[in-house]
């Protein structure tokens, strides 16, 4: 999972244009000093099964969390000329990761499997922040 999280974060940095991309310990937590908009990467569920011939298959879920600052009207959701919204960032993440095996040995599949509704949070400074999560599943055989 460690290799996968590092590869996903690297790919998102490279392909999405979002300047703050980081691995997080919690979906509800932004790192101190994070500049919005931002993308966080979080480990998810892992299932393992044994296949014929001694092959072990792991299905690993990775969650990508998009964070956007409050904007004019619904810019934090829809985006505008001044900032991407969470829908833009999730679409960029999907474009960067769907089908991308990340040069990881044994990886055979990568696809989005779930997208949650966006949620509005109010931070400790009283500012609104929009969040949206997309889950990707990676399948690796060894």
N, C-alpha and C. Protein backbone atom coordinates (compact mmCIF):
# COMPACT_ATOMS: atom_id res chain seq x y z
N UNK A 1 0.83 -1.20 0.00
CA UNK A 1 0.00 0.00 0.00
C UNK A 1 0.87 1.26 0.00
N UNK A 2 1.97 1.21 0.72
CA UNK A 2 2.84 2.39 0.78
C UNK A 2 3.30 2.82 -0.62
N UNK A 3 3.76 1.84 -1.39
CA UNK A 3 4.21 2.13 -2.76
C UNK A 3 3.07 2.73 -3.60
N UNK A 4 1.88 2.20 -3.43
CA UNK A 4 0.72 2.67 -4.18
C UNK A 4 0.36 4.11 -3.79
N UNK A 5 0.32 4.42 -2.49
CA UNK A 5 -0.01 5.78 -2.06
C UNK A 5 0.99 6.79 -2.60
N UNK A 6 2.27 6.45 -2.54
CA UNK A 6 3.30 7.35 -3.06
C UNK A 6 3.14 7.56 -4.57
N UNK A 7 2.84 6.49 -5.29
CA UNK A 7 2.67 6.59 -6.74
C UNK A 7 1.43 7.40 -7.11
N UNK A 8 0.33 7.20 -6.39
CA UNK A 8 -0.90 7.95 -6.65
C UNK A 8 -0.67 9.44 -6.38
N UNK A 9 -0.06 9.77 -5.25
CA UNK A 9 0.21 11.18 -4.93
C UNK A 9 1.12 11.80 -5.99
N UNK A 10 2.13 11.08 -6.42
CA UNK A 10 3.04 11.58 -7.45
C UNK A 10 2.33 11.83 -8.77
N UNK A 11 1.50 10.90 -9.16
CA UNK A 11 0.75 11.05 -10.42
C UNK A 11 -0.20 12.25 -10.35
N UNK A 12 -0.87 12.42 -9.22
CA UNK A 12 -1.78 13.56 -9.06
C UNK A 12 -1.02 14.88 -9.11
N UNK A 13 0.16 14.94 -8.49
CA UNK A 13 0.99 16.15 -8.54
C UNK A 13 1.36 16.48 -9.99
N UNK A 14 1.69 15.44 -10.72
CA UNK A 14 2.17 15.58 -12.09
C UNK A 14 1.06 15.98 -13.07
N UNK A 15 -0.13 15.42 -12.89
CA UNK A 15 -1.17 15.51 -13.92
C UNK A 15 -2.33 16.46 -13.64
N UNK A 16 -2.55 16.87 -12.40
CA UNK A 16 -3.78 17.63 -12.12
C UNK A 16 -3.61 19.14 -12.06
N UNK A 17 -2.40 19.62 -11.86
CA UNK A 17 -2.20 21.05 -11.70
C UNK A 17 -2.52 21.57 -10.31
N UNK A 18 -2.93 20.69 -9.41
CA UNK A 18 -3.20 21.08 -8.02
C UNK A 18 -1.85 21.13 -7.30
N UNK A 19 -1.55 22.24 -6.65
CA UNK A 19 -0.21 22.40 -6.08
C UNK A 19 0.00 21.66 -4.76
N UNK A 20 -1.02 21.53 -3.94
CA UNK A 20 -0.87 20.79 -2.68
C UNK A 20 -1.52 19.41 -2.81
N UNK A 21 -0.68 18.39 -2.88
CA UNK A 21 -1.12 16.99 -2.93
C UNK A 21 -0.32 16.27 -1.87
N UNK A 22 -1.01 15.55 -0.99
CA UNK A 22 -0.31 14.91 0.13
C UNK A 22 -1.04 13.65 0.58
N UNK A 23 -0.31 12.77 1.24
CA UNK A 23 -0.90 11.58 1.87
C UNK A 23 -1.40 12.01 3.24
N UNK A 24 -2.61 11.62 3.59
CA UNK A 24 -3.21 12.04 4.85
C UNK A 24 -3.52 10.84 5.75
N UNK A 25 -3.63 11.11 7.02
CA UNK A 25 -3.97 10.06 8.00
C UNK A 25 -5.46 9.99 8.25
N UNK A 26 -6.20 11.03 7.81
CA UNK A 26 -7.62 11.10 8.09
C UNK A 26 -8.32 11.91 7.01
N UNK A 27 -9.48 11.46 6.59
CA UNK A 27 -10.23 12.14 5.52
C UNK A 27 -10.78 13.49 5.95
N UNK A 28 -10.90 13.72 7.23
CA UNK A 28 -11.49 14.96 7.74
C UNK A 28 -10.44 16.00 8.12
N UNK A 29 -9.16 15.67 7.98
CA UNK A 29 -8.10 16.54 8.47
C UNK A 29 -7.27 17.12 7.34
N UNK A 30 -7.09 18.43 7.39
CA UNK A 30 -6.17 19.11 6.49
C UNK A 30 -4.88 19.37 7.26
N UNK A 31 -3.75 19.14 6.64
CA UNK A 31 -2.47 19.41 7.28
C UNK A 31 -2.31 20.91 7.52
N UNK A 32 -1.66 21.26 8.61
CA UNK A 32 -1.37 22.67 8.88
C UNK A 32 -0.57 23.23 7.71
N UNK A 33 -0.95 24.41 7.26
CA UNK A 33 -0.24 25.05 6.16
C UNK A 33 -0.70 24.63 4.77
N UNK A 34 -1.71 23.78 4.68
CA UNK A 34 -2.21 23.35 3.37
C UNK A 34 -2.79 24.54 2.63
N UNK A 35 -2.41 24.68 1.37
CA UNK A 35 -2.94 25.73 0.51
C UNK A 35 -4.06 25.14 -0.35
N UNK A 36 -5.23 25.73 -0.26
CA UNK A 36 -6.36 25.24 -1.04
C UNK A 36 -6.38 25.93 -2.39
N UNK A 37 -6.85 25.24 -3.42
CA UNK A 37 -7.38 23.87 -3.45
C UNK A 37 -6.27 22.84 -3.23
N UNK A 38 -6.69 21.67 -2.73
CA UNK A 38 -5.73 20.62 -2.41
C UNK A 38 -6.35 19.25 -2.66
N UNK A 39 -5.46 18.26 -2.83
CA UNK A 39 -5.88 16.86 -2.94
C UNK A 39 -5.13 16.06 -1.89
N UNK A 40 -5.86 15.24 -1.17
CA UNK A 40 -5.26 14.34 -0.19
C UNK A 40 -5.47 12.91 -0.67
N UNK A 41 -4.54 12.03 -0.30
CA UNK A 41 -4.60 10.62 -0.67
C UNK A 41 -4.62 9.81 0.61
N UNK A 42 -5.56 8.87 0.71
CA UNK A 42 -5.75 8.08 1.93
C UNK A 42 -5.87 6.60 1.60
N UNK A 43 -5.19 5.77 2.39
CA UNK A 43 -5.31 4.33 2.21
C UNK A 43 -6.72 3.88 2.56
N UNK A 44 -7.15 2.82 1.89
CA UNK A 44 -8.49 2.28 2.12
C UNK A 44 -8.45 0.78 2.33
N UNK A 45 -9.57 0.16 2.10
CA UNK A 45 -9.75 -1.27 2.31
C UNK A 45 -8.85 -2.08 1.37
N UNK A 46 -8.31 -3.18 1.92
CA UNK A 46 -7.50 -4.12 1.14
C UNK A 46 -8.09 -5.51 1.33
N UNK A 47 -8.33 -6.21 0.20
CA UNK A 47 -8.78 -7.60 0.27
C UNK A 47 -7.77 -8.46 -0.48
N UNK A 48 -7.54 -9.65 0.06
CA UNK A 48 -6.56 -10.57 -0.52
C UNK A 48 -7.25 -11.89 -0.81
N UNK A 49 -6.91 -12.48 -1.96
CA UNK A 49 -7.42 -13.82 -2.26
C UNK A 49 -6.35 -14.59 -3.01
N UNK A 50 -6.37 -15.89 -2.80
CA UNK A 50 -5.41 -16.77 -3.47
C UNK A 50 -6.06 -17.34 -4.71
N UNK A 51 -5.32 -17.27 -5.81
CA UNK A 51 -5.79 -17.79 -7.09
C UNK A 51 -5.03 -19.07 -7.43
N UNK A 52 -5.42 -19.69 -8.50
CA UNK A 52 -4.75 -20.92 -8.95
C UNK A 52 -3.27 -20.63 -9.23
N UNK A 53 -2.47 -21.65 -9.03
CA UNK A 53 -1.04 -21.54 -9.32
C UNK A 53 -0.26 -20.75 -8.29
N UNK A 54 -0.83 -20.56 -7.11
CA UNK A 54 -0.12 -19.85 -6.07
C UNK A 54 -0.11 -18.34 -6.22
N UNK A 55 -0.89 -17.80 -7.15
CA UNK A 55 -0.95 -16.36 -7.35
C UNK A 55 -1.79 -15.73 -6.25
N UNK A 56 -1.29 -14.64 -5.69
CA UNK A 56 -2.02 -13.89 -4.68
C UNK A 56 -2.48 -12.57 -5.32
N UNK A 57 -3.78 -12.30 -5.20
CA UNK A 57 -4.35 -11.08 -5.77
C UNK A 57 -4.79 -10.16 -4.63
N UNK A 58 -4.33 -8.93 -4.67
CA UNK A 58 -4.75 -7.93 -3.69
C UNK A 58 -5.53 -6.84 -4.39
N UNK A 59 -6.71 -6.54 -3.86
CA UNK A 59 -7.50 -5.41 -4.31
C UNK A 59 -7.34 -4.33 -3.25
N UNK A 60 -6.81 -3.18 -3.66
CA UNK A 60 -6.49 -2.11 -2.72
C UNK A 60 -7.25 -0.85 -3.10
N UNK A 61 -7.96 -0.30 -2.14
CA UNK A 61 -8.68 0.94 -2.39
C UNK A 61 -7.87 2.14 -1.90
N UNK A 62 -7.90 3.18 -2.69
CA UNK A 62 -7.25 4.44 -2.36
C UNK A 62 -8.30 5.54 -2.53
N UNK A 63 -8.41 6.39 -1.51
CA UNK A 63 -9.37 7.49 -1.57
C UNK A 63 -8.63 8.78 -1.89
N UNK A 64 -9.16 9.52 -2.83
CA UNK A 64 -8.62 10.83 -3.16
C UNK A 64 -9.65 11.86 -2.67
N UNK A 65 -9.18 12.75 -1.82
CA UNK A 65 -10.05 13.74 -1.19
C UNK A 65 -9.75 15.11 -1.78
N UNK A 66 -10.73 15.72 -2.40
CA UNK A 66 -10.58 17.05 -2.97
C UNK A 66 -11.09 18.08 -1.98
N UNK A 67 -10.31 19.14 -1.77
CA UNK A 67 -10.69 20.23 -0.87
C UNK A 67 -10.64 21.53 -1.65
N UNK A 68 -11.71 22.33 -1.59
CA UNK A 68 -11.74 23.63 -2.26
C UNK A 68 -12.22 24.69 -1.28
N UNK A 69 -11.63 25.90 -1.35
CA UNK A 69 -12.06 26.98 -0.46
C UNK A 69 -13.40 27.55 -0.90
N UNK A 70 -14.05 28.23 0.03
CA UNK A 70 -15.31 28.89 -0.31
C UNK A 70 -15.07 29.88 -1.42
N UNK A 71 -15.97 29.89 -2.36
CA UNK A 71 -15.87 30.82 -3.48
C UNK A 71 -17.17 31.57 -3.66
N UNK A 72 -17.19 32.41 -4.66
CA UNK A 72 -18.39 33.16 -4.98
C UNK A 72 -19.44 32.20 -5.51
N UNK A 73 -20.67 32.38 -5.07
CA UNK A 73 -21.77 31.49 -5.43
C UNK A 73 -21.40 30.06 -5.07
N UNK A 74 -21.36 29.17 -6.02
CA UNK A 74 -21.04 27.76 -5.74
C UNK A 74 -19.69 27.37 -6.33
N UNK A 75 -18.74 28.30 -6.37
CA UNK A 75 -17.43 28.04 -6.99
C UNK A 75 -16.69 26.90 -6.33
N UNK A 76 -16.90 26.69 -5.02
CA UNK A 76 -16.20 25.59 -4.36
C UNK A 76 -16.66 24.23 -4.87
N UNK A 77 -17.85 24.16 -5.43
CA UNK A 77 -18.35 22.92 -6.03
C UNK A 77 -18.10 22.92 -7.54
N UNK A 78 -18.55 23.98 -8.21
CA UNK A 78 -18.54 24.02 -9.67
C UNK A 78 -17.25 24.56 -10.28
N UNK A 79 -16.50 25.34 -9.50
CA UNK A 79 -15.33 26.00 -10.04
C UNK A 79 -15.73 27.27 -10.77
N UNK A 80 -14.77 28.16 -10.97
CA UNK A 80 -14.98 29.37 -11.76
C UNK A 80 -13.64 29.81 -12.32
N UNK A 81 -13.56 31.02 -12.83
CA UNK A 81 -12.32 31.51 -13.45
C UNK A 81 -11.19 31.67 -12.44
N UNK A 82 -11.53 31.77 -11.15
CA UNK A 82 -10.50 32.00 -10.13
C UNK A 82 -10.02 30.73 -9.43
N UNK A 83 -10.79 29.65 -9.48
CA UNK A 83 -10.41 28.44 -8.77
C UNK A 83 -11.15 27.22 -9.32
N UNK A 84 -10.52 26.03 -9.19
CA UNK A 84 -11.28 24.81 -9.53
C UNK A 84 -12.19 24.45 -8.37
N UNK A 85 -13.33 23.88 -8.70
CA UNK A 85 -14.21 23.35 -7.67
C UNK A 85 -13.89 21.89 -7.41
N UNK A 86 -14.54 21.30 -6.41
CA UNK A 86 -14.27 19.89 -6.10
C UNK A 86 -14.65 18.97 -7.26
N UNK A 87 -15.68 19.35 -8.04
CA UNK A 87 -16.04 18.52 -9.20
C UNK A 87 -14.92 18.53 -10.24
N UNK A 88 -14.29 19.69 -10.45
CA UNK A 88 -13.16 19.79 -11.38
C UNK A 88 -11.99 18.93 -10.91
N UNK A 89 -11.69 19.01 -9.61
CA UNK A 89 -10.54 18.28 -9.09
C UNK A 89 -10.75 16.76 -9.11
N UNK A 90 -11.98 16.33 -8.81
CA UNK A 90 -12.28 14.89 -8.87
C UNK A 90 -12.20 14.41 -10.32
N UNK A 91 -12.69 15.21 -11.26
CA UNK A 91 -12.59 14.84 -12.68
C UNK A 91 -11.13 14.77 -13.12
N UNK A 92 -10.31 15.70 -12.65
CA UNK A 92 -8.88 15.68 -12.98
C UNK A 92 -8.20 14.45 -12.38
N UNK A 93 -8.56 14.10 -11.16
CA UNK A 93 -8.00 12.91 -10.52
C UNK A 93 -8.41 11.65 -11.28
N UNK A 94 -9.67 11.59 -11.68
CA UNK A 94 -10.14 10.43 -12.46
C UNK A 94 -9.40 10.33 -13.78
N UNK A 95 -9.21 11.46 -14.45
CA UNK A 95 -8.48 11.47 -15.71
C UNK A 95 -7.03 11.03 -15.54
N UNK A 96 -6.43 11.38 -14.41
CA UNK A 96 -5.02 11.04 -14.16
C UNK A 96 -4.84 9.59 -13.73
N UNK A 97 -5.85 9.00 -13.08
CA UNK A 97 -5.66 7.68 -12.46
C UNK A 97 -6.43 6.53 -13.10
N UNK A 98 -7.54 6.79 -13.79
CA UNK A 98 -8.34 5.71 -14.36
C UNK A 98 -7.52 4.92 -15.38
N UNK A 99 -7.32 3.64 -15.12
CA UNK A 99 -6.57 2.77 -16.01
C UNK A 99 -5.06 2.91 -15.90
N UNK A 100 -4.58 3.80 -15.06
CA UNK A 100 -3.15 4.05 -14.91
C UNK A 100 -2.56 3.08 -13.87
N UNK A 101 -1.69 2.19 -14.32
CA UNK A 101 -1.13 1.15 -13.45
C UNK A 101 0.10 1.63 -12.68
N UNK A 102 0.52 2.86 -12.91
CA UNK A 102 1.52 3.55 -12.12
C UNK A 102 2.89 2.88 -12.12
N UNK A 103 3.18 2.09 -13.14
CA UNK A 103 4.47 1.39 -13.24
C UNK A 103 4.78 0.53 -12.02
N UNK A 104 3.74 -0.01 -11.39
CA UNK A 104 3.93 -0.89 -10.24
C UNK A 104 3.86 -2.33 -10.72
N UNK A 105 4.90 -3.08 -10.42
CA UNK A 105 5.01 -4.48 -10.85
C UNK A 105 3.80 -5.29 -10.37
N UNK A 106 3.16 -5.99 -11.28
CA UNK A 106 2.03 -6.86 -10.95
C UNK A 106 0.68 -6.18 -10.95
N UNK A 107 0.63 -4.85 -11.10
CA UNK A 107 -0.65 -4.14 -11.11
C UNK A 107 -1.37 -4.48 -12.42
N UNK A 108 -2.62 -4.93 -12.32
CA UNK A 108 -3.35 -5.34 -13.51
C UNK A 108 -4.60 -4.51 -13.78
N UNK A 109 -5.05 -3.72 -12.80
CA UNK A 109 -6.26 -2.94 -13.02
C UNK A 109 -6.26 -1.73 -12.11
N UNK A 110 -6.85 -0.66 -12.59
CA UNK A 110 -7.01 0.58 -11.81
C UNK A 110 -8.25 1.30 -12.33
N UNK A 111 -9.21 1.51 -11.43
CA UNK A 111 -10.44 2.18 -11.87
C UNK A 111 -11.16 2.84 -10.70
N UNK A 112 -11.91 3.89 -10.99
CA UNK A 112 -12.73 4.49 -9.94
C UNK A 112 -13.91 3.58 -9.63
N UNK A 113 -14.26 3.47 -8.34
CA UNK A 113 -15.36 2.58 -7.97
C UNK A 113 -16.46 3.29 -7.18
N UNK A 114 -16.17 4.48 -6.64
CA UNK A 114 -17.20 5.19 -5.88
C UNK A 114 -16.84 6.67 -5.79
N UNK A 115 -17.87 7.50 -5.88
CA UNK A 115 -17.71 8.94 -5.72
C UNK A 115 -18.79 9.41 -4.76
N UNK A 116 -18.38 9.99 -3.64
CA UNK A 116 -19.33 10.46 -2.64
C UNK A 116 -19.82 11.86 -2.96
N UNK A 117 -20.96 12.21 -2.41
CA UNK A 117 -21.48 13.57 -2.55
C UNK A 117 -20.53 14.54 -1.85
N UNK A 118 -20.45 15.76 -2.36
CA UNK A 118 -19.58 16.73 -1.70
C UNK A 118 -20.22 17.17 -0.38
N UNK A 119 -19.35 17.63 0.54
CA UNK A 119 -19.78 18.04 1.87
C UNK A 119 -19.15 19.39 2.18
N UNK A 120 -19.90 20.25 2.85
CA UNK A 120 -19.41 21.56 3.25
C UNK A 120 -18.99 21.51 4.72
N UNK A 121 -17.77 21.96 5.00
CA UNK A 121 -17.26 22.04 6.37
C UNK A 121 -16.96 23.50 6.69
N UNK A 122 -17.04 23.84 7.96
CA UNK A 122 -16.62 25.15 8.44
C UNK A 122 -15.38 24.90 9.30
N UNK A 123 -14.25 25.54 8.92
CA UNK A 123 -13.02 25.30 9.67
C UNK A 123 -12.96 26.13 10.94
N UNK A 124 -11.88 26.00 11.70
CA UNK A 124 -11.77 26.70 12.99
C UNK A 124 -11.72 28.21 12.84
N UNK A 125 -11.37 28.68 11.65
CA UNK A 125 -11.35 30.12 11.40
C UNK A 125 -12.71 30.63 10.87
N UNK A 126 -13.69 29.74 10.81
CA UNK A 126 -15.03 30.12 10.36
C UNK A 126 -15.19 30.18 8.86
N UNK A 127 -14.23 29.64 8.11
CA UNK A 127 -14.31 29.65 6.64
C UNK A 127 -14.89 28.34 6.13
N UNK A 128 -15.69 28.44 5.07
CA UNK A 128 -16.30 27.26 4.47
C UNK A 128 -15.30 26.57 3.55
N UNK A 129 -15.26 25.26 3.63
CA UNK A 129 -14.39 24.44 2.78
C UNK A 129 -15.24 23.28 2.25
N UNK A 130 -15.18 23.05 0.96
CA UNK A 130 -15.94 21.96 0.33
C UNK A 130 -15.03 20.74 0.16
N UNK A 131 -15.58 19.55 0.41
CA UNK A 131 -14.82 18.31 0.27
C UNK A 131 -15.61 17.33 -0.59
N UNK A 132 -14.90 16.58 -1.43
CA UNK A 132 -15.51 15.50 -2.22
C UNK A 132 -14.49 14.38 -2.31
N UNK A 133 -14.97 13.14 -2.18
CA UNK A 133 -14.09 11.97 -2.16
C UNK A 133 -14.42 11.04 -3.31
N UNK A 134 -13.37 10.58 -4.00
CA UNK A 134 -13.51 9.55 -5.02
C UNK A 134 -12.61 8.39 -4.61
N UNK A 135 -13.13 7.17 -4.74
CA UNK A 135 -12.37 5.97 -4.37
C UNK A 135 -11.97 5.22 -5.63
N UNK A 136 -10.69 4.86 -5.68
CA UNK A 136 -10.14 4.05 -6.77
C UNK A 136 -9.77 2.69 -6.23
N UNK A 137 -9.93 1.66 -7.08
CA UNK A 137 -9.51 0.31 -6.69
C UNK A 137 -8.41 -0.15 -7.64
N UNK A 138 -7.34 -0.62 -7.03
CA UNK A 138 -6.17 -1.15 -7.76
C UNK A 138 -6.08 -2.63 -7.47
N UNK A 139 -5.82 -3.42 -8.51
CA UNK A 139 -5.69 -4.86 -8.36
C UNK A 139 -4.27 -5.25 -8.77
N UNK A 140 -3.63 -5.98 -7.86
CA UNK A 140 -2.23 -6.41 -8.07
C UNK A 140 -2.13 -7.91 -7.86
N UNK A 141 -1.44 -8.58 -8.79
CA UNK A 141 -1.22 -10.02 -8.67
C UNK A 141 0.27 -10.29 -8.55
N UNK A 142 0.58 -11.26 -7.69
CA UNK A 142 1.98 -11.68 -7.52
C UNK A 142 2.06 -13.18 -7.41
